[in-house]
Amino acid sequence: DPDDTPLLRAKYYYRRALDNIDQAGRDLRAQLWVNYGNCLSGLGRAVEAISAYDRVLQIAPDNTIAKGNLAIELHYFASIAQYPVFLLDALEMLEQVLSEKNLGDYAFEGTRQAFQSARDKIEEEILELGIKRNTRVEKKTILSSGYIGEYLEFCAGHQLFMNFCLSCRRCDRYYKDSLVFSLITKLDD
């Protein structure tokens, strides 16, 4: 949309609402996070949208709409990050969501069809790329110790990356961040 003013305004109000919902019920909190994620997705802010959908699933692990939307966003993100293994996570989530007889109380009429279409597209891409469905990327332990190791763990835990990566997915790339302390300052400083 060439004029994203309404989405920016919505993002602002969703953020304000989310900052003040600690006492709200589980369903309301989950729905606000889904809507906020949808808003971020519409603005092209994939990493933040993924984080919002992950937050929903922490609150309400059974929220099929958040899982489906997360899968679609991971599909989009896989090409941005140039890390197609995320497609496997997206496909797995969509298959799980589509196996549900009821997609949830908040699903719209075309939701199942949209998720099926996304699943089909992801399956095509996986075939084209020659990715095996059982591909797994194991997280590596940080070889750095002391301050650098603690810093990397802190950044990973708070989703503060200097490259395109998500700590909770099948990826070890945040350990290979291209910005190194020694490029910024002396390690003993």
C-alpha atoms as a PDB file:
ATOM      1  CA  ASP A   1       0.000   0.000   0.000  1.00  0.00           C
ATOM      2  CA  PRO A   2       1.618   3.289  -1.052  1.00  0.00           C
ATOM      3  CA  ASP A   3      -0.063   5.032   1.891  1.00  0.00           C
ATOM      4  CA  ASP A   4       0.755   3.042   5.009  1.00  0.00           C
ATOM      5  CA  THR A   5      -0.474   5.786   7.356  1.00  0.00           C
ATOM      6  CA  PRO A   6      -3.459   3.723   8.595  1.00  0.00           C
ATOM      7  CA  LEU A   7      -1.174   0.766   9.373  1.00  0.00           C
ATOM      8  CA  LEU A   8       1.313   2.997  11.166  1.00  0.00           C
ATOM      9  CA  ARG A   9      -1.514   4.475  13.204  1.00  0.00           C
ATOM     10  CA  ALA A  10      -2.855   0.988  13.965  1.00  0.00           C
ATOM     11  CA  LYS A  11       0.646  -0.152  14.976  1.00  0.00           C
ATOM     12  CA  TYR A  12       0.883   2.762  17.393  1.00  0.00           C
ATOM     13  CA  TYR A  13      -2.475   1.999  19.025  1.00  0.00           C
ATOM     14  CA  TYR A  14      -1.889  -1.747  19.193  1.00  0.00           C
ATOM     15  CA  ARG A  15       1.455  -1.103  20.855  1.00  0.00           C
ATOM     16  CA  ARG A  16      -0.203   1.201  23.409  1.00  0.00           C
ATOM     17  CA  ALA A  17      -2.889  -1.386  24.085  1.00  0.00           C
ATOM     18  CA  LEU A  18      -0.301  -4.140  24.493  1.00  0.00           C
ATOM     19  CA  ASP A  19       1.639  -2.032  26.972  1.00  0.00           C
ATOM     20  CA  ASN A  20      -1.472  -1.869  29.171  1.00  0.00           C
ATOM     21  CA  ILE A  21      -2.991  -5.365  29.058  1.00  0.00           C
ATOM     22  CA  ASP A  22      -1.199  -7.205  31.827  1.00  0.00           C
ATOM     23  CA  GLN A  23      -4.461  -7.820  33.664  1.00  0.00           C
ATOM     24  CA  ALA A  24      -6.497  -8.676  30.556  1.00  0.00           C
ATOM     25  CA  GLY A  25      -7.675 -12.199  29.881  1.00  0.00           C
ATOM     26  CA  ARG A  26      -5.666 -14.674  27.837  1.00  0.00           C
ATOM     27  CA  ASP A  27      -7.906 -14.517  24.746  1.00  0.00           C
ATOM     28  CA  LEU A  28      -7.866 -10.716  24.560  1.00  0.00           C
ATOM     29  CA  ARG A  29      -4.080 -10.573  24.979  1.00  0.00           C
ATOM     30  CA  ALA A  30      -3.625 -13.242  22.298  1.00  0.00           C
ATOM     31  CA  GLN A  31      -5.974 -11.488  19.870  1.00  0.00           C
ATOM     32  CA  LEU A  32      -4.224  -8.132  20.340  1.00  0.00           C
ATOM     33  CA  TRP A  33      -0.842  -9.766  19.662  1.00  0.00           C
ATOM     34  CA  VAL A  34      -2.241 -11.487  16.529  1.00  0.00           C
ATOM     35  CA  ASN A  35      -3.626  -8.184  15.258  1.00  0.00           C
ATOM     36  CA  TYR A  36      -0.365  -6.413  16.064  1.00  0.00           C
ATOM     37  CA  GLY A  37       1.561  -9.128  14.198  1.00  0.00           C
ATOM     38  CA  ASN A  38      -0.774  -8.755  11.218  1.00  0.00           C
ATOM     39  CA  CYS A  39      -0.181  -5.009  11.267  1.00  0.00           C
ATOM     40  CA  LEU A  40       3.601  -5.482  11.369  1.00  0.00           C
ATOM     41  CA  SER A  41       3.380  -8.001   8.547  1.00  0.00           C
ATOM     42  CA  GLY A  42       1.426  -5.502   6.459  1.00  0.00           C
ATOM     43  CA  LEU A  43       4.186  -2.976   7.048  1.00  0.00           C
ATOM     44  CA  GLY A  44       6.814  -5.461   5.862  1.00  0.00           C
ATOM     45  CA  ARG A  45       8.369  -5.847   9.312  1.00  0.00           C
ATOM     46  CA  ALA A  46       8.798  -9.622   9.156  1.00  0.00           C
ATOM     47  CA  VAL A  47      11.092 -10.142  12.147  1.00  0.00           C
ATOM     48  CA  GLU A  48       8.826  -8.134  14.435  1.00  0.00           C
ATOM     49  CA  ALA A  49       5.717  -9.890  13.083  1.00  0.00           C
ATOM     50  CA  ILE A  50       7.312 -13.281  13.740  1.00  0.00           C
ATOM     51  CA  SER A  51       8.151 -12.160  17.266  1.00  0.00           C
ATOM     52  CA  ALA A  52       4.537 -11.032  17.814  1.00  0.00           C
ATOM     53  CA  TYR A  53       3.136 -14.371  16.612  1.00  0.00           C
ATOM     54  CA  ASP A  54       5.647 -16.197  18.821  1.00  0.00           C
ATOM     55  CA  ARG A  55       4.348 -14.111  21.735  1.00  0.00           C
ATOM     56  CA  VAL A  56       0.786 -15.211  20.969  1.00  0.00           C
ATOM     57  CA  LEU A  57       1.875 -18.847  21.068  1.00  0.00           C
ATOM     58  CA  GLN A  58       3.480 -18.289  24.469  1.00  0.00           C
ATOM     59  CA  ILE A  59       0.157 -16.939  25.737  1.00  0.00           C
ATOM     60  CA  ALA A  60      -2.123 -19.351  23.859  1.00  0.00           C
ATOM     61  CA  PRO A  61      -0.235 -22.321  22.332  1.00  0.00           C
ATOM     62  CA  ASP A  62      -3.470 -23.560  20.756  1.00  0.00           C
ATOM     63  CA  ASN A  63      -4.054 -20.383  18.716  1.00  0.00           C
ATOM     64  CA  THR A  64      -4.191 -21.804  15.202  1.00  0.00           C
ATOM     65  CA  ILE A  65      -4.522 -18.415  13.526  1.00  0.00           C
ATOM     66  CA  ALA A  66      -1.245 -17.233  15.080  1.00  0.00           C
ATOM     67  CA  LYS A  67       0.451 -20.486  14.004  1.00  0.00           C
ATOM     68  CA  GLY A  68      -0.822 -20.136  10.444  1.00  0.00           C
ATOM     69  CA  ASN A  69       0.138 -16.474  10.225  1.00  0.00           C
ATOM     70  CA  LEU A  70       3.544 -17.264  11.724  1.00  0.00           C
ATOM     71  CA  ALA A  71       4.077 -19.956   9.092  1.00  0.00           C
ATOM     72  CA  ILE A  72       3.215 -17.542   6.288  1.00  0.00           C
ATOM     73  CA  GLU A  73       5.593 -14.935   7.725  1.00  0.00           C
ATOM     74  CA  LEU A  74       8.380 -17.526   8.068  1.00  0.00           C
ATOM     75  CA  HIS A  75       7.840 -18.411   4.410  1.00  0.00           C
ATOM     76  CA  TYR A  76       8.333 -14.771   3.484  1.00  0.00           C
ATOM     77  CA  PHE A  77      11.285 -14.421   5.848  1.00  0.00           C
ATOM     78  CA  ALA A  78      13.079 -17.482   4.423  1.00  0.00           C
ATOM     79  CA  SER A  79      13.770 -15.591   1.192  1.00  0.00           C
ATOM     80  CA  ILE A  80      14.830 -12.397   2.983  1.00  0.00           C
ATOM     81  CA  ALA A  81      17.262 -14.268   5.224  1.00  0.00           C
ATOM     82  CA  GLN A  82      18.346 -16.506   2.350  1.00  0.00           C
ATOM     83  CA  TYR A  83      17.918 -19.412   4.711  1.00  0.00           C
ATOM     84  CA  PRO A  84      15.393 -21.799   3.160  1.00  0.00           C
ATOM     85  CA  VAL A  85      15.408 -24.178   6.135  1.00  0.00           C
ATOM     86  CA  PHE A  86      12.767 -21.862   7.641  1.00  0.00           C
ATOM     87  CA  LEU A  87      10.450 -23.228   4.944  1.00  0.00           C
ATOM     88  CA  LEU A  88      10.427 -26.533   6.810  1.00  0.00           C
ATOM     89  CA  ASP A  89       9.215 -24.840   9.988  1.00  0.00           C
ATOM     90  CA  ALA A  90       6.542 -23.007   8.000  1.00  0.00           C
ATOM     91  CA  LEU A  91       5.370 -26.187   6.284  1.00  0.00           C
ATOM     92  CA  GLU A  92       5.282 -28.124   9.552  1.00  0.00           C
ATOM     93  CA  MET A  93       3.178 -25.412  11.202  1.00  0.00           C
ATOM     94  CA  LEU A  94       0.749 -25.143   8.309  1.00  0.00           C
ATOM     95  CA  GLU A  95       0.258 -28.898   8.195  1.00  0.00           C
ATOM     96  CA  GLN A  96      -0.447 -28.877  11.917  1.00  0.00           C
ATOM     97  CA  VAL A  97      -2.924 -26.009  11.565  1.00  0.00           C
ATOM     98  CA  LEU A  98      -4.676 -27.598   8.593  1.00  0.00           C
ATOM     99  CA  SER A  99      -5.089 -30.868  10.491  1.00  0.00           C
ATOM    100  CA  GLU A 100      -7.331 -29.012  12.955  1.00  0.00           C
ATOM    101  CA  LYS A 101     -11.031 -29.475  12.224  1.00  0.00           C
ATOM    102  CA  ASN A 102     -11.736 -26.009  13.523  1.00  0.00           C
ATOM    103  CA  LEU A 103      -9.183 -23.289  12.891  1.00  0.00           C
ATOM    104  CA  GLY A 104     -10.328 -21.386  15.929  1.00  0.00           C
ATOM    105  CA  ASP A 105     -12.974 -18.971  16.978  1.00  0.00           C
ATOM    106  CA  TYR A 106     -11.430 -16.020  15.170  1.00  0.00           C
ATOM    107  CA  ALA A 107     -10.915 -17.588  11.737  1.00  0.00           C
ATOM    108  CA  PHE A 108     -12.485 -15.927   8.734  1.00  0.00           C
ATOM    109  CA  GLU A 109     -14.273 -17.803   5.984  1.00  0.00           C
ATOM    110  CA  GLY A 110     -11.288 -18.043   3.623  1.00  0.00           C
ATOM    111  CA  THR A 111      -8.688 -18.807   6.287  1.00  0.00           C
ATOM    112  CA  ARG A 112      -8.383 -22.543   5.617  1.00  0.00           C
ATOM    113  CA  GLN A 113      -8.084 -21.920   1.875  1.00  0.00           C
ATOM    114  CA  ALA A 114      -5.410 -19.242   2.403  1.00  0.00           C
ATOM    115  CA  PHE A 115      -3.404 -21.577   4.639  1.00  0.00           C
ATOM    116  CA  GLN A 116      -3.755 -24.449   2.128  1.00  0.00           C
ATOM    117  CA  SER A 117      -2.565 -22.193  -0.684  1.00  0.00           C
ATOM    118  CA  ALA A 118       0.452 -21.093   1.391  1.00  0.00           C
ATOM    119  CA  ARG A 119       1.246 -24.721   2.236  1.00  0.00           C
ATOM    120  CA  ASP A 120       1.108 -25.729  -1.446  1.00  0.00           C
ATOM    121  CA  LYS A 121       3.431 -22.875  -2.413  1.00  0.00           C
ATOM    122  CA  ILE A 122       5.921 -23.796   0.311  1.00  0.00           C
ATOM    123  CA  GLU A 123       5.884 -27.452  -0.761  1.00  0.00           C
ATOM    124  CA  GLU A 124       6.684 -26.375  -4.342  1.00  0.00           C
ATOM    125  CA  GLU A 125       9.595 -24.239  -3.165  1.00  0.00           C
ATOM    126  CA  ILE A 126      10.972 -27.041  -0.999  1.00  0.00           C
ATOM    127  CA  LEU A 127      10.866 -29.381  -3.988  1.00  0.00           C
ATOM    128  CA  GLU A 128      12.490 -26.803  -6.294  1.00  0.00           C
ATOM    129  CA  LEU A 129      15.265 -26.140  -3.781  1.00  0.00           C
ATOM    130  CA  GLY A 130      15.821 -29.843  -3.169  1.00  0.00           C
ATOM    131  CA  ILE A 131      15.469 -29.540   0.595  1.00  0.00           C
ATOM    132  CA  LYS A 132      14.809 -32.800   2.386  1.00  0.00           C
ATOM    133  CA  ARG A 133      11.896 -32.640   4.781  1.00  0.00           C
ATOM    134  CA  ASN A 134      13.899 -34.176   7.600  1.00  0.00           C
ATOM    135  CA  THR A 135      16.657 -31.544   7.432  1.00  0.00           C
ATOM    136  CA  ARG A 136      17.580 -30.331  10.877  1.00  0.00           C
ATOM    137  CA  VAL A 137      20.001 -27.636  11.893  1.00  0.00           C
ATOM    138  CA  GLU A 138      21.379 -28.185  15.342  1.00  0.00           C
ATOM    139  CA  LYS A 139      22.202 -25.154  17.423  1.00  0.00           C
ATOM    140  CA  LYS A 140      25.869 -24.996  18.187  1.00  0.00           C
ATOM    141  CA  THR A 141      27.172 -24.103  21.559  1.00  0.00           C
ATOM    142  CA  ILE A 142      28.974 -20.827  21.772  1.00  0.00           C
ATOM    143  CA  LEU A 143      32.687 -21.370  21.635  1.00  0.00           C
ATOM    144  CA  SER A 144      33.379 -17.925  23.021  1.00  0.00           C
ATOM    145  CA  SER A 145      33.621 -17.560  26.732  1.00  0.00           C
ATOM    146  CA  GLY A 146      33.443 -14.648  29.069  1.00  0.00           C
ATOM    147  CA  TYR A 147      31.956 -11.383  27.990  1.00  0.00           C
ATOM    148  CA  ILE A 148      31.574 -12.181  24.272  1.00  0.00           C
ATOM    149  CA  GLY A 149      29.761 -15.439  24.994  1.00  0.00           C
ATOM    150  CA  GLU A 150      27.465 -13.741  27.497  1.00  0.00           C
ATOM    151  CA  TYR A 151      26.812 -10.946  25.004  1.00  0.00           C
ATOM    152  CA  LEU A 152      25.877 -13.407  22.241  1.00  0.00           C
ATOM    153  CA  GLU A 153      23.535 -15.290  24.572  1.00  0.00           C
ATOM    154  CA  PHE A 154      21.938 -12.020  25.697  1.00  0.00           C
ATOM    155  CA  CYS A 155      21.421 -10.878  22.103  1.00  0.00           C
ATOM    156  CA  ALA A 156      19.970 -14.244  21.106  1.00  0.00           C
ATOM    157  CA  GLY A 157      17.663 -14.323  24.109  1.00  0.00           C
ATOM    158  CA  HIS A 158      16.334 -10.847  23.413  1.00  0.00           C
ATOM    159  CA  GLN A 159      16.258 -11.187  19.611  1.00  0.00           C
ATOM    160  CA  LEU A 160      18.896  -8.493  19.111  1.00  0.00           C
ATOM    161  CA  PHE A 161      20.657  -9.538  15.931  1.00  0.00           C
ATOM    162  CA  MET A 162      22.965  -7.803  13.560  1.00  0.00           C
ATOM    163  CA  ASN A 163      22.064 -10.303  10.852  1.00  0.00           C
ATOM    164  CA  PHE A 164      18.778 -11.856   9.736  1.00  0.00           C
ATOM    165  CA  CYS A 165      18.167 -14.624  12.196  1.00  0.00           C
ATOM    166  CA  LEU A 166      15.661 -15.884  14.729  1.00  0.00           C
ATOM    167  CA  SER A 167      16.994 -17.669  17.791  1.00  0.00           C
ATOM    168  CA  CYS A 168      14.032 -19.970  18.222  1.00  0.00           C
ATOM    169  CA  ARG A 169      14.158 -21.550  14.762  1.00  0.00           C
ATOM    170  CA  ARG A 170      16.424 -24.179  13.184  1.00  0.00           C
ATOM    171  CA  CYS A 171      19.301 -21.797  12.810  1.00  0.00           C
ATOM    172  CA  ASP A 172      22.731 -21.328  14.268  1.00  0.00           C
ATOM    173  CA  ARG A 173      23.568 -18.220  12.266  1.00  0.00           C
ATOM    174  CA  TYR A 174      23.423 -15.755  15.135  1.00  0.00           C
ATOM    175  CA  TYR A 175      26.599 -17.349  16.442  1.00  0.00           C
ATOM    176  CA  LYS A 176      28.252 -16.309  13.192  1.00  0.00           C
ATOM    177  CA  ASP A 177      27.304 -12.657  13.400  1.00  0.00           C
ATOM    178  CA  SER A 178      29.369 -10.587  11.010  1.00  0.00           C
ATOM    179  CA  LEU A 179      30.020  -7.779  13.494  1.00  0.00           C
ATOM    180  CA  VAL A 180      32.726  -8.781  15.947  1.00  0.00           C
ATOM    181  CA  PHE A 181      33.802  -7.009  19.107  1.00  0.00           C
ATOM    182  CA  SER A 182      37.366  -6.677  17.944  1.00  0.00           C
ATOM    183  CA  LEU A 183      36.132  -4.525  15.067  1.00  0.00           C
ATOM    184  CA  ILE A 184      34.519  -2.106  17.517  1.00  0.00           C
ATOM    185  CA  THR A 185      36.890  -1.918  20.431  1.00  0.00           C
ATOM    186  CA  LYS A 186      39.807  -3.733  21.972  1.00  0.00           C
ATOM    187  CA  LEU A 187      38.667  -6.785  23.920  1.00  0.00           C
ATOM    188  CA  ASP A 188      40.504  -5.686  27.063  1.00  0.00           C
ATOM    189  CA  ASP A 189      38.950  -2.205  26.916  1.00  0.00           C
END
